[in-house]
Amino acid sequence: MAIIRDQLERSSLVKKKTRRTRHKLAEEIASQKIKERREKGHTGKSQRGTIEDIEKRREALRKQLKDEGLDEALAEHLEDLLITSEFGIAFAEKPIDGDAFFSVEAKVGSLVVFLNENHPAFKHLFAVIDKIDTDEEISKEDMRKKVIHASAALKLVMASWAMYEDEAVGEDHRNLVKARRTWGRYADEFLPTDDDEYEEG
């Protein structure tokens, strides 16, 4: 039991360090796009939980995360992103039951995208990209291998969707095509066209 507890503590410390060194460019860009959409009158369910007072929002977030059983390090990470940095969206990771490789949850007026640590996409895509993002001592050769790894994993995720769409029939197929096109429109809106916008200020 002591060995398991020690392993869990070490894993928690590694995750905490990784979250601390991880770049926040995606959160910055996405939060700005969300803000622009809301200013145009587009609303989402997450807005219903908005709390204007920052300390009340912080307290509500802490309670919600504690009630959900999230570990303290992850709770601190989300508090830093959603309250201190006031991002409209945050990315984090946790084990999720089921086949989805990510979940979308509303937290005190913001969105949290949880990447599913139990899904192969996490190991072969998100964790690989995270290593490139956070390891300042990674060699060029290791970086190249990991970029190839992540690129192949992303293409395989897209191939799985292609197969899903190809095997669907009737209304199911039409709904999948519609969902793919709608997601494409949102992606077009969220992805900056200028390379300079992908550089942290």
N, C-alpha and C. Protein backbone atom coordinates (compact mmCIF):
# COMPACT_ATOMS: atom_id res chain seq x y z
N MET A 1 0.83 -1.21 0.00
CA MET A 1 0.00 0.00 0.00
C MET A 1 0.87 1.26 0.00
N ALA A 2 1.95 1.22 0.79
CA ALA A 2 2.85 2.37 0.87
C ALA A 2 3.52 2.62 -0.47
N ILE A 3 3.84 1.53 -1.20
CA ILE A 3 4.47 1.65 -2.52
C ILE A 3 3.53 2.32 -3.50
N ILE A 4 2.27 1.89 -3.49
CA ILE A 4 1.26 2.47 -4.38
C ILE A 4 1.07 3.95 -4.07
N ARG A 5 0.99 4.28 -2.77
CA ARG A 5 0.82 5.68 -2.37
C ARG A 5 2.01 6.52 -2.83
N ASP A 6 3.22 5.96 -2.70
CA ASP A 6 4.44 6.66 -3.12
C ASP A 6 4.43 6.90 -4.63
N GLN A 7 3.99 5.90 -5.39
CA GLN A 7 3.92 6.04 -6.85
C GLN A 7 2.91 7.11 -7.25
N LEU A 8 1.77 7.12 -6.56
CA LEU A 8 0.74 8.12 -6.84
C LEU A 8 1.24 9.53 -6.54
N GLU A 9 1.97 9.67 -5.43
CA GLU A 9 2.50 10.98 -5.06
C GLU A 9 3.53 11.46 -6.07
N ARG A 10 4.41 10.53 -6.53
CA ARG A 10 5.42 10.90 -7.53
C ARG A 10 4.75 11.30 -8.84
N SER A 11 3.72 10.53 -9.23
CA SER A 11 2.98 10.84 -10.45
C SER A 11 2.32 12.20 -10.36
N SER A 12 1.75 12.51 -9.19
CA SER A 12 1.10 13.81 -8.97
C SER A 12 2.10 14.95 -9.07
N LEU A 13 3.32 14.76 -8.52
CA LEU A 13 4.35 15.79 -8.58
C LEU A 13 4.81 16.03 -10.01
N VAL A 14 4.96 14.95 -10.79
CA VAL A 14 5.37 15.08 -12.19
C VAL A 14 4.31 15.84 -12.98
N LYS A 15 3.03 15.48 -12.76
CA LYS A 15 1.95 16.16 -13.45
C LYS A 15 1.91 17.64 -13.09
N LYS A 16 2.12 17.94 -11.80
CA LYS A 16 2.09 19.33 -11.34
C LYS A 16 3.19 20.14 -12.01
N LYS A 17 4.40 19.57 -12.09
CA LYS A 17 5.52 20.25 -12.74
C LYS A 17 5.23 20.46 -14.22
N THR A 18 4.67 19.44 -14.87
CA THR A 18 4.35 19.54 -16.29
C THR A 18 3.32 20.62 -16.55
N ARG A 19 2.27 20.67 -15.71
CA ARG A 19 1.24 21.70 -15.89
C ARG A 19 1.82 23.09 -15.70
N ARG A 20 2.79 23.21 -14.77
CA ARG A 20 3.37 24.52 -14.48
C ARG A 20 4.21 25.02 -15.65
N THR A 21 4.91 24.12 -16.36
CA THR A 21 5.79 24.53 -17.45
C THR A 21 5.09 24.53 -18.81
N ARG A 22 3.89 23.97 -18.87
CA ARG A 22 3.16 23.88 -20.13
C ARG A 22 2.78 25.28 -20.64
N HIS A 23 2.95 25.48 -21.94
CA HIS A 23 2.56 26.77 -22.52
C HIS A 23 1.04 26.91 -22.53
N LYS A 24 0.56 28.14 -22.48
CA LYS A 24 -0.88 28.40 -22.38
C LYS A 24 -1.41 29.12 -23.61
N LEU A 25 -0.71 28.95 -24.74
CA LEU A 25 -1.08 29.65 -25.96
C LEU A 25 -2.48 29.27 -26.44
N ALA A 26 -2.81 27.97 -26.39
CA ALA A 26 -4.13 27.52 -26.85
C ALA A 26 -5.23 28.14 -26.01
N GLU A 27 -5.03 28.19 -24.68
CA GLU A 27 -6.02 28.80 -23.80
C GLU A 27 -6.20 30.29 -24.12
N GLU A 28 -5.09 30.97 -24.38
CA GLU A 28 -5.15 32.41 -24.69
C GLU A 28 -5.94 32.67 -25.97
N ILE A 29 -5.59 31.95 -27.03
CA ILE A 29 -6.26 32.15 -28.32
C ILE A 29 -7.73 31.77 -28.24
N ALA A 30 -8.01 30.58 -27.68
CA ALA A 30 -9.40 30.10 -27.60
C ALA A 30 -10.25 31.02 -26.74
N SER A 31 -9.69 31.52 -25.64
CA SER A 31 -10.45 32.41 -24.75
C SER A 31 -10.82 33.70 -25.47
N GLN A 32 -9.91 34.22 -26.29
CA GLN A 32 -10.19 35.43 -27.05
C GLN A 32 -11.30 35.17 -28.08
N LYS A 33 -11.26 34.01 -28.73
CA LYS A 33 -12.29 33.66 -29.71
C LYS A 33 -13.65 33.49 -29.04
N ILE A 34 -13.64 32.86 -27.85
CA ILE A 34 -14.89 32.69 -27.10
C ILE A 34 -15.46 34.05 -26.73
N LYS A 35 -14.59 34.95 -26.27
CA LYS A 35 -15.02 36.30 -25.90
C LYS A 35 -15.63 37.02 -27.10
N GLU A 36 -15.00 36.90 -28.26
CA GLU A 36 -15.51 37.55 -29.48
C GLU A 36 -16.87 36.99 -29.86
N ARG A 37 -17.04 35.68 -29.75
CA ARG A 37 -18.33 35.07 -30.08
C ARG A 37 -19.42 35.54 -29.12
N ARG A 38 -19.09 35.63 -27.84
CA ARG A 38 -20.08 36.08 -26.87
C ARG A 38 -20.46 37.53 -27.09
N GLU A 39 -19.50 38.34 -27.51
CA GLU A 39 -19.79 39.75 -27.80
C GLU A 39 -20.71 39.89 -29.01
N LYS A 40 -20.69 38.88 -29.89
CA LYS A 40 -21.57 38.87 -31.06
C LYS A 40 -22.94 38.28 -30.74
N GLY A 41 -23.13 37.85 -29.49
CA GLY A 41 -24.43 37.33 -29.08
C GLY A 41 -24.54 35.82 -29.05
N HIS A 42 -23.46 35.11 -29.39
CA HIS A 42 -23.48 33.65 -29.31
C HIS A 42 -23.33 33.23 -27.84
N THR A 43 -24.22 32.39 -27.38
CA THR A 43 -24.17 31.98 -25.97
C THR A 43 -24.08 30.46 -25.86
N GLY A 44 -23.54 30.02 -24.75
CA GLY A 44 -23.44 28.59 -24.48
C GLY A 44 -23.93 28.28 -23.09
N LYS A 45 -24.13 27.00 -22.81
CA LYS A 45 -24.62 26.59 -21.49
C LYS A 45 -23.65 26.98 -20.37
N SER A 46 -22.35 27.04 -20.69
CA SER A 46 -21.36 27.36 -19.66
C SER A 46 -21.58 28.74 -19.06
N GLN A 47 -22.15 29.66 -19.85
CA GLN A 47 -22.36 31.03 -19.37
C GLN A 47 -23.36 31.12 -18.22
N ARG A 48 -24.23 30.12 -18.13
CA ARG A 48 -25.26 30.16 -17.09
C ARG A 48 -24.65 30.09 -15.69
N GLY A 49 -23.44 29.55 -15.60
CA GLY A 49 -22.79 29.43 -14.30
C GLY A 49 -21.85 30.56 -13.98
N THR A 50 -21.90 31.64 -14.77
CA THR A 50 -20.98 32.76 -14.57
C THR A 50 -21.23 33.45 -13.22
N ILE A 51 -20.15 33.69 -12.49
CA ILE A 51 -20.20 34.43 -11.22
C ILE A 51 -19.28 35.63 -11.37
N GLU A 52 -19.83 36.83 -11.27
CA GLU A 52 -19.06 38.04 -11.55
C GLU A 52 -17.98 38.30 -10.51
N ASP A 53 -18.32 38.15 -9.24
CA ASP A 53 -17.35 38.41 -8.18
C ASP A 53 -16.24 37.36 -8.21
N ILE A 54 -15.00 37.80 -8.36
CA ILE A 54 -13.88 36.87 -8.58
C ILE A 54 -13.64 35.94 -7.40
N GLU A 55 -13.77 36.45 -6.17
CA GLU A 55 -13.54 35.59 -5.00
C GLU A 55 -14.66 34.58 -4.81
N LYS A 56 -15.89 34.98 -5.11
CA LYS A 56 -17.00 34.04 -5.04
C LYS A 56 -16.86 32.98 -6.13
N ARG A 57 -16.35 33.42 -7.29
CA ARG A 57 -16.11 32.47 -8.38
C ARG A 57 -15.02 31.47 -8.00
N ARG A 58 -13.96 31.98 -7.36
CA ARG A 58 -12.87 31.11 -6.91
C ARG A 58 -13.39 30.07 -5.89
N GLU A 59 -14.19 30.56 -4.94
CA GLU A 59 -14.74 29.69 -3.89
C GLU A 59 -15.66 28.63 -4.50
N ALA A 60 -16.50 29.05 -5.46
CA ALA A 60 -17.42 28.11 -6.10
C ALA A 60 -16.67 27.05 -6.90
N LEU A 61 -15.60 27.47 -7.58
CA LEU A 61 -14.80 26.52 -8.35
C LEU A 61 -14.13 25.51 -7.44
N ARG A 62 -13.53 25.99 -6.35
CA ARG A 62 -12.87 25.09 -5.40
C ARG A 62 -13.85 24.05 -4.86
N LYS A 63 -15.05 24.51 -4.50
CA LYS A 63 -16.07 23.59 -3.96
C LYS A 63 -16.48 22.56 -5.01
N GLN A 64 -16.70 23.03 -6.23
CA GLN A 64 -17.12 22.13 -7.30
C GLN A 64 -16.07 21.06 -7.57
N LEU A 65 -14.81 21.47 -7.65
CA LEU A 65 -13.73 20.53 -7.93
C LEU A 65 -13.52 19.55 -6.78
N LYS A 66 -13.67 20.05 -5.54
CA LYS A 66 -13.54 19.18 -4.36
C LYS A 66 -14.66 18.15 -4.34
N ASP A 67 -15.89 18.60 -4.63
CA ASP A 67 -17.03 17.69 -4.65
C ASP A 67 -16.86 16.61 -5.72
N GLU A 68 -16.16 16.95 -6.80
CA GLU A 68 -15.93 15.99 -7.88
C GLU A 68 -14.76 15.05 -7.60
N GLY A 69 -14.04 15.32 -6.50
CA GLY A 69 -12.94 14.45 -6.11
C GLY A 69 -11.65 14.65 -6.86
N LEU A 70 -11.48 15.81 -7.51
CA LEU A 70 -10.24 16.08 -8.23
C LEU A 70 -9.10 16.34 -7.25
N ASP A 71 -7.89 15.89 -7.61
CA ASP A 71 -6.77 16.07 -6.70
C ASP A 71 -6.38 17.55 -6.61
N GLU A 72 -5.70 17.89 -5.52
CA GLU A 72 -5.40 19.29 -5.21
C GLU A 72 -4.56 19.97 -6.29
N ALA A 73 -3.59 19.24 -6.85
CA ALA A 73 -2.73 19.82 -7.88
C ALA A 73 -3.52 20.21 -9.12
N LEU A 74 -4.45 19.34 -9.53
CA LEU A 74 -5.28 19.63 -10.70
C LEU A 74 -6.22 20.79 -10.41
N ALA A 75 -6.77 20.83 -9.20
CA ALA A 75 -7.65 21.93 -8.80
C ALA A 75 -6.90 23.26 -8.84
N GLU A 76 -5.65 23.27 -8.36
CA GLU A 76 -4.84 24.49 -8.39
C GLU A 76 -4.56 24.93 -9.82
N HIS A 77 -4.30 23.95 -10.69
CA HIS A 77 -4.04 24.23 -12.11
C HIS A 77 -5.25 24.91 -12.75
N LEU A 78 -6.44 24.37 -12.50
CA LEU A 78 -7.66 24.94 -13.09
C LEU A 78 -7.98 26.30 -12.48
N GLU A 79 -7.73 26.45 -11.19
CA GLU A 79 -7.95 27.74 -10.54
C GLU A 79 -7.04 28.81 -11.15
N ASP A 80 -5.79 28.44 -11.42
CA ASP A 80 -4.84 29.37 -12.02
C ASP A 80 -5.32 29.82 -13.40
N LEU A 81 -5.82 28.88 -14.20
CA LEU A 81 -6.25 29.21 -15.56
C LEU A 81 -7.57 29.96 -15.60
N LEU A 82 -8.56 29.47 -14.85
CA LEU A 82 -9.92 30.02 -14.95
C LEU A 82 -10.15 31.25 -14.08
N ILE A 83 -9.45 31.35 -12.95
CA ILE A 83 -9.67 32.48 -12.04
C ILE A 83 -8.54 33.50 -12.14
N THR A 84 -7.31 33.08 -11.88
CA THR A 84 -6.18 34.01 -11.89
C THR A 84 -5.94 34.58 -13.28
N SER A 85 -5.88 33.71 -14.30
CA SER A 85 -5.64 34.17 -15.67
C SER A 85 -6.92 34.56 -16.39
N GLU A 86 -8.07 34.20 -15.81
CA GLU A 86 -9.40 34.53 -16.36
C GLU A 86 -9.59 34.04 -17.79
N PHE A 87 -9.11 32.84 -18.07
CA PHE A 87 -9.34 32.24 -19.38
C PHE A 87 -10.78 31.72 -19.46
N GLY A 88 -11.33 31.73 -20.66
CA GLY A 88 -12.68 31.22 -20.85
C GLY A 88 -12.71 29.72 -21.07
N ILE A 89 -11.51 29.14 -21.22
CA ILE A 89 -11.41 27.70 -21.44
C ILE A 89 -10.07 27.21 -20.89
N ALA A 90 -10.05 25.98 -20.42
CA ALA A 90 -8.81 25.38 -19.90
C ALA A 90 -8.72 23.94 -20.38
N PHE A 91 -7.50 23.48 -20.52
CA PHE A 91 -7.25 22.08 -20.90
C PHE A 91 -6.56 21.38 -19.74
N ALA A 92 -7.03 20.19 -19.43
CA ALA A 92 -6.44 19.41 -18.34
C ALA A 92 -6.62 17.93 -18.66
N GLU A 93 -6.09 17.09 -17.81
CA GLU A 93 -6.22 15.66 -18.05
C GLU A 93 -6.66 14.93 -16.79
N LYS A 94 -7.43 13.89 -16.98
CA LYS A 94 -7.86 13.02 -15.88
C LYS A 94 -8.39 11.73 -16.48
N PRO A 95 -8.44 10.66 -15.69
CA PRO A 95 -9.04 9.41 -16.19
C PRO A 95 -10.55 9.60 -16.33
N ILE A 96 -11.09 9.14 -17.45
CA ILE A 96 -12.53 9.25 -17.71
C ILE A 96 -13.04 7.87 -18.10
N ASP A 97 -14.15 7.45 -17.49
CA ASP A 97 -14.76 6.18 -17.87
C ASP A 97 -15.41 6.33 -19.25
N GLY A 98 -15.36 5.28 -20.04
CA GLY A 98 -16.00 5.32 -21.35
C GLY A 98 -14.99 5.48 -22.48
N ASP A 99 -15.53 5.58 -23.70
CA ASP A 99 -14.69 5.57 -24.89
C ASP A 99 -14.27 6.95 -25.39
N ALA A 100 -14.86 8.01 -24.87
CA ALA A 100 -14.53 9.35 -25.36
C ALA A 100 -13.09 9.70 -25.01
N PHE A 101 -12.36 10.33 -25.96
CA PHE A 101 -10.98 10.69 -25.62
C PHE A 101 -10.87 12.08 -25.03
N PHE A 102 -12.01 12.78 -24.93
CA PHE A 102 -12.04 14.02 -24.15
C PHE A 102 -13.47 14.29 -23.72
N SER A 103 -13.62 15.11 -22.69
CA SER A 103 -14.94 15.54 -22.25
C SER A 103 -14.96 17.06 -22.18
N VAL A 104 -16.15 17.63 -22.23
CA VAL A 104 -16.33 19.08 -22.15
C VAL A 104 -17.22 19.36 -20.95
N GLU A 105 -16.70 20.14 -20.00
CA GLU A 105 -17.45 20.43 -18.78
C GLU A 105 -17.48 21.93 -18.50
N ALA A 106 -18.61 22.40 -17.98
CA ALA A 106 -18.75 23.81 -17.61
C ALA A 106 -18.33 24.01 -16.17
N LYS A 107 -17.53 25.04 -15.93
CA LYS A 107 -17.07 25.37 -14.58
C LYS A 107 -17.16 26.88 -14.37
N VAL A 108 -18.04 27.32 -13.50
CA VAL A 108 -18.22 28.72 -13.10
C VAL A 108 -18.11 29.69 -14.28
N GLY A 109 -18.81 29.40 -15.37
CA GLY A 109 -18.87 30.31 -16.51
C GLY A 109 -17.82 30.06 -17.57
N SER A 110 -16.95 29.09 -17.36
CA SER A 110 -15.91 28.76 -18.34
C SER A 110 -16.04 27.30 -18.75
N LEU A 111 -15.24 26.91 -19.74
CA LEU A 111 -15.22 25.53 -20.21
C LEU A 111 -13.92 24.85 -19.82
N VAL A 112 -14.01 23.57 -19.51
CA VAL A 112 -12.81 22.77 -19.27
C VAL A 112 -12.87 21.56 -20.20
N VAL A 113 -11.83 21.40 -21.01
CA VAL A 113 -11.70 20.21 -21.85
C VAL A 113 -10.77 19.25 -21.12
N PHE A 114 -11.34 18.14 -20.66
CA PHE A 114 -10.54 17.13 -19.98
C PHE A 114 -10.12 16.06 -20.99
N LEU A 115 -8.83 15.84 -21.13
CA LEU A 115 -8.31 14.79 -21.99
C LEU A 115 -8.30 13.49 -21.19
N ASN A 116 -8.83 12.44 -21.79
CA ASN A 116 -9.01 11.16 -21.09
C ASN A 116 -7.70 10.37 -21.02
N GLU A 117 -7.12 10.29 -19.83
CA GLU A 117 -5.86 9.57 -19.65
C GLU A 117 -6.00 8.07 -19.91
N ASN A 118 -7.23 7.56 -19.91
CA ASN A 118 -7.45 6.12 -20.15
C ASN A 118 -7.54 5.78 -21.63
N HIS A 119 -7.59 6.79 -22.49
CA HIS A 119 -7.77 6.56 -23.93
C HIS A 119 -6.42 6.53 -24.64
N PRO A 120 -6.22 5.64 -25.61
CA PRO A 120 -4.96 5.59 -26.35
C PRO A 120 -4.57 6.92 -26.99
N ALA A 121 -5.56 7.74 -27.33
CA ALA A 121 -5.26 9.05 -27.94
C ALA A 121 -4.45 9.92 -27.00
N PHE A 122 -4.65 9.74 -25.69
CA PHE A 122 -3.88 10.55 -24.74
C PHE A 122 -2.41 10.16 -24.79
N LYS A 123 -2.14 8.87 -24.73
CA LYS A 123 -0.75 8.39 -24.73
C LYS A 123 -0.04 8.71 -26.04
N HIS A 124 -0.72 8.50 -27.16
CA HIS A 124 -0.04 8.60 -28.45
C HIS A 124 -0.15 9.97 -29.11
N LEU A 125 -0.98 10.84 -28.56
CA LEU A 125 -1.13 12.17 -29.15
C LEU A 125 -0.84 13.27 -28.14
N PHE A 126 -1.71 13.41 -27.15
CA PHE A 126 -1.59 14.53 -26.21
C PHE A 126 -0.33 14.45 -25.34
N ALA A 127 -0.02 13.26 -24.82
CA ALA A 127 1.16 13.13 -23.96
C ALA A 127 2.44 13.35 -24.75
N VAL A 128 2.45 12.93 -26.01
CA VAL A 128 3.63 13.13 -26.87
C VAL A 128 3.83 14.61 -27.15
N ILE A 129 2.75 15.31 -27.48
CA ILE A 129 2.83 16.76 -27.73
C ILE A 129 3.24 17.49 -26.46
N ASP A 130 2.70 17.05 -25.33
CA ASP A 130 3.04 17.66 -24.04
C ASP A 130 4.54 17.56 -23.75
N LYS A 131 5.12 16.41 -24.10
CA LYS A 131 6.55 16.20 -23.89
C LYS A 131 7.36 17.22 -24.70
N ILE A 132 6.96 17.44 -25.93
CA ILE A 132 7.64 18.43 -26.78
C ILE A 132 7.47 19.82 -26.20
N ASP A 133 6.28 20.09 -25.68
CA ASP A 133 5.94 21.41 -25.16
C ASP A 133 6.70 21.75 -23.88
N THR A 134 6.92 20.75 -23.03
CA THR A 134 7.43 21.04 -21.69
C THR A 134 8.89 20.65 -21.44
N ASP A 135 9.44 19.77 -22.28
CA ASP A 135 10.83 19.31 -22.06
C ASP A 135 11.81 20.24 -22.78
N GLU A 136 12.43 21.14 -22.02
CA GLU A 136 13.34 22.11 -22.61
C GLU A 136 14.67 21.49 -23.03
N GLU A 137 14.94 20.27 -22.59
CA GLU A 137 16.21 19.61 -22.91
C GLU A 137 16.06 18.52 -23.97
N ILE A 138 14.90 18.44 -24.60
CA ILE A 138 14.68 17.41 -25.60
C ILE A 138 15.61 17.62 -26.80
N SER A 139 16.18 16.54 -27.31
CA SER A 139 17.10 16.65 -28.45
C SER A 139 16.30 16.80 -29.75
N LYS A 140 16.97 17.28 -30.79
CA LYS A 140 16.31 17.45 -32.09
C LYS A 140 15.81 16.12 -32.62
N GLU A 141 16.60 15.06 -32.43
CA GLU A 141 16.21 13.74 -32.92
C GLU A 141 14.98 13.22 -32.18
N ASP A 142 14.96 13.37 -30.85
CA ASP A 142 13.80 12.95 -30.07
C ASP A 142 12.57 13.77 -30.43
N MET A 143 12.77 15.07 -30.65
CA MET A 143 11.66 15.93 -31.03
C MET A 143 11.09 15.50 -32.37
N ARG A 144 11.96 15.19 -33.32
CA ARG A 144 11.52 14.74 -34.65
C ARG A 144 10.71 13.45 -34.53
N LYS A 145 11.19 12.50 -33.72
CA LYS A 145 10.48 11.24 -33.53
C LYS A 145 9.10 11.47 -32.93
N LYS A 146 9.04 12.37 -31.96
CA LYS A 146 7.77 12.63 -31.29
C LYS A 146 6.79 13.37 -32.20
N VAL A 147 7.31 14.27 -33.04
CA VAL A 147 6.45 14.96 -34.00
C VAL A 147 5.86 13.96 -34.99
N ILE A 148 6.69 13.03 -35.48
CA ILE A 148 6.20 11.98 -36.38
C ILE A 148 5.16 11.11 -35.68
N HIS A 149 5.44 10.76 -34.42
CA HIS A 149 4.52 9.95 -33.60
C HIS A 149 3.17 10.65 -33.46
N ALA A 150 3.20 11.92 -33.05
CA ALA A 150 1.96 12.68 -32.83
C ALA A 150 1.22 12.91 -34.14
N SER A 151 1.96 13.18 -35.22
CA SER A 151 1.33 13.40 -36.52
C SER A 151 0.61 12.14 -36.99
N ALA A 152 1.25 10.98 -36.83
CA ALA A 152 0.62 9.72 -37.21
C ALA A 152 -0.61 9.45 -36.35
N ALA A 153 -0.50 9.73 -35.04
CA ALA A 153 -1.63 9.50 -34.14
C ALA A 153 -2.83 10.38 -34.52
N LEU A 154 -2.56 11.65 -34.86
CA LEU A 154 -3.64 12.56 -35.26
C LEU A 154 -4.31 12.05 -36.53
N LYS A 155 -3.51 11.60 -37.49
CA LYS A 155 -4.08 11.07 -38.74
C LYS A 155 -4.90 9.82 -38.48
N LEU A 156 -4.46 8.99 -37.53
CA LEU A 156 -5.22 7.78 -37.20
C LEU A 156 -6.54 8.11 -36.52
N VAL A 157 -6.54 9.15 -35.70
CA VAL A 157 -7.80 9.61 -35.09
C VAL A 157 -8.76 10.07 -36.19
N MET A 158 -8.23 10.80 -37.17
CA MET A 158 -9.06 11.25 -38.29
C MET A 158 -9.52 10.07 -39.15
N ALA A 159 -8.64 9.06 -39.30
CA ALA A 159 -9.01 7.86 -40.06
C ALA A 159 -10.14 7.11 -39.37
N SER A 160 -10.11 7.09 -38.03
CA SER A 160 -11.19 6.42 -37.29
C SER A 160 -12.52 7.12 -37.51
N TRP A 161 -12.47 8.48 -37.57
CA TRP A 161 -13.71 9.22 -37.88
C TRP A 161 -14.17 8.91 -39.30
N ALA A 162 -13.23 8.86 -40.24
CA ALA A 162 -13.58 8.58 -41.64
C ALA A 162 -14.28 7.22 -41.75
N MET A 163 -13.78 6.23 -41.00
CA MET A 163 -14.39 4.90 -41.02
C MET A 163 -15.77 4.94 -40.38
N TYR A 164 -15.89 5.68 -39.28
CA TYR A 164 -17.17 5.84 -38.58
C TYR A 164 -18.20 6.44 -39.53
N GLU A 165 -17.78 7.49 -40.25
CA GLU A 165 -18.68 8.16 -41.19
C GLU A 165 -19.01 7.24 -42.37
N ASP A 166 -18.02 6.50 -42.85
CA ASP A 166 -18.20 5.63 -44.01
C ASP A 166 -19.17 4.49 -43.72
N GLU A 167 -19.14 3.99 -42.49
CA GLU A 167 -19.99 2.85 -42.13
C GLU A 167 -21.40 3.27 -41.71
N ALA A 168 -21.60 4.55 -41.48
CA ALA A 168 -22.93 5.04 -41.08
C ALA A 168 -23.86 5.06 -42.29
N VAL A 169 -25.15 4.91 -42.04
CA VAL A 169 -26.12 4.91 -43.13
C VAL A 169 -27.27 5.86 -42.81
N GLY A 170 -27.95 6.28 -43.85
CA GLY A 170 -29.16 7.09 -43.71
C GLY A 170 -28.96 8.37 -42.93
N GLU A 171 -29.86 8.60 -41.97
CA GLU A 171 -29.83 9.83 -41.17
C GLU A 171 -28.56 9.93 -40.33
N ASP A 172 -28.07 8.79 -39.85
CA ASP A 172 -26.83 8.81 -39.06
C ASP A 172 -25.68 9.37 -39.90
N HIS A 173 -25.58 8.94 -41.15
CA HIS A 173 -24.51 9.43 -42.03
C HIS A 173 -24.66 10.92 -42.28
N ARG A 174 -25.87 11.37 -42.56
CA ARG A 174 -26.10 12.80 -42.82
C ARG A 174 -25.74 13.64 -41.59
N ASN A 175 -26.08 13.15 -40.40
CA ASN A 175 -25.76 13.88 -39.17
C ASN A 175 -24.25 13.96 -38.93
N LEU A 176 -23.53 12.89 -39.25
CA LEU A 176 -22.08 12.90 -39.09
C LEU A 176 -21.42 13.87 -40.06
N VAL A 177 -21.89 13.89 -41.29
CA VAL A 177 -21.35 14.83 -42.29
C VAL A 177 -21.62 16.26 -41.84
N LYS A 178 -22.84 16.50 -41.34
CA LYS A 178 -23.20 17.83 -40.85
C LYS A 178 -22.32 18.23 -39.67
N ALA A 179 -22.10 17.30 -38.73
CA ALA A 179 -21.27 17.58 -37.56
C ALA A 179 -19.83 17.90 -37.98
N ARG A 180 -19.29 17.14 -38.95
CA ARG A 180 -17.93 17.38 -39.42
C ARG A 180 -17.80 18.76 -40.05
N ARG A 181 -18.79 19.15 -40.84
CA ARG A 181 -18.75 20.46 -41.50
C ARG A 181 -18.91 21.59 -40.49
N THR A 182 -19.80 21.39 -39.52
CA THR A 182 -20.00 22.43 -38.50
C THR A 182 -18.74 22.60 -37.66
N TRP A 183 -18.13 21.50 -37.25
CA TRP A 183 -16.89 21.57 -36.49
C TRP A 183 -15.80 22.26 -37.32
N GLY A 184 -15.80 21.99 -38.61
CA GLY A 184 -14.84 22.63 -39.50
C GLY A 184 -15.01 24.14 -39.52
N ARG A 185 -16.26 24.61 -39.50
CA ARG A 185 -16.51 26.06 -39.48
C ARG A 185 -16.00 26.68 -38.18
N TYR A 186 -16.25 25.99 -37.07
CA TYR A 186 -15.76 26.49 -35.78
C TYR A 186 -14.23 26.50 -35.75
N ALA A 187 -13.61 25.44 -36.27
CA ALA A 187 -12.15 25.37 -36.30
C ALA A 187 -11.58 26.50 -37.16
N ASP A 188 -12.23 26.79 -38.27
CA ASP A 188 -11.79 27.87 -39.15
C ASP A 188 -11.82 29.21 -38.41
N GLU A 189 -12.81 29.37 -37.54
CA GLU A 189 -12.94 30.61 -36.77
C GLU A 189 -11.90 30.69 -35.65
N PHE A 190 -11.59 29.56 -35.04
CA PHE A 190 -10.68 29.56 -33.88
C PHE A 190 -9.20 29.56 -34.27
N LEU A 191 -8.85 28.96 -35.39
CA LEU A 191 -7.44 28.85 -35.77
C LEU A 191 -6.95 30.15 -36.42
N PRO A 192 -5.95 30.80 -35.83
CA PRO A 192 -5.40 32.03 -36.43
C PRO A 192 -4.79 31.73 -37.80
N THR A 193 -4.92 32.67 -38.72
CA THR A 193 -4.36 32.49 -40.06
C THR A 193 -2.91 32.95 -40.14
N ASP A 194 -2.52 33.85 -39.24
CA ASP A 194 -1.17 34.41 -39.24
C ASP A 194 -0.26 33.59 -38.32
N ASP A 195 0.87 33.13 -38.84
CA ASP A 195 1.80 32.33 -38.04
C ASP A 195 2.27 33.06 -36.79
N ASP A 196 2.37 34.39 -36.86
CA ASP A 196 2.83 35.18 -35.72
C ASP A 196 1.92 35.02 -34.51
N GLU A 197 0.65 34.72 -34.76
CA GLU A 197 -0.32 34.60 -33.67
C GLU A 197 -0.10 33.33 -32.85
N TYR A 198 0.73 32.42 -33.37
CA TYR A 198 1.02 31.19 -32.64
C TYR A 198 2.26 31.34 -31.76
N GLU A 199 2.78 32.56 -31.69
CA GLU A 199 3.95 32.83 -30.85
C GLU A 199 3.48 33.51 -29.57
N GLU A 200 3.97 33.01 -28.44
CA GLU A 200 3.59 33.59 -27.16
C GLU A 200 4.22 34.96 -26.99
N GLY A 201 3.43 35.89 -26.44
CA GLY A 201 3.93 37.23 -26.24
C GLY A 201 4.79 37.37 -25.00
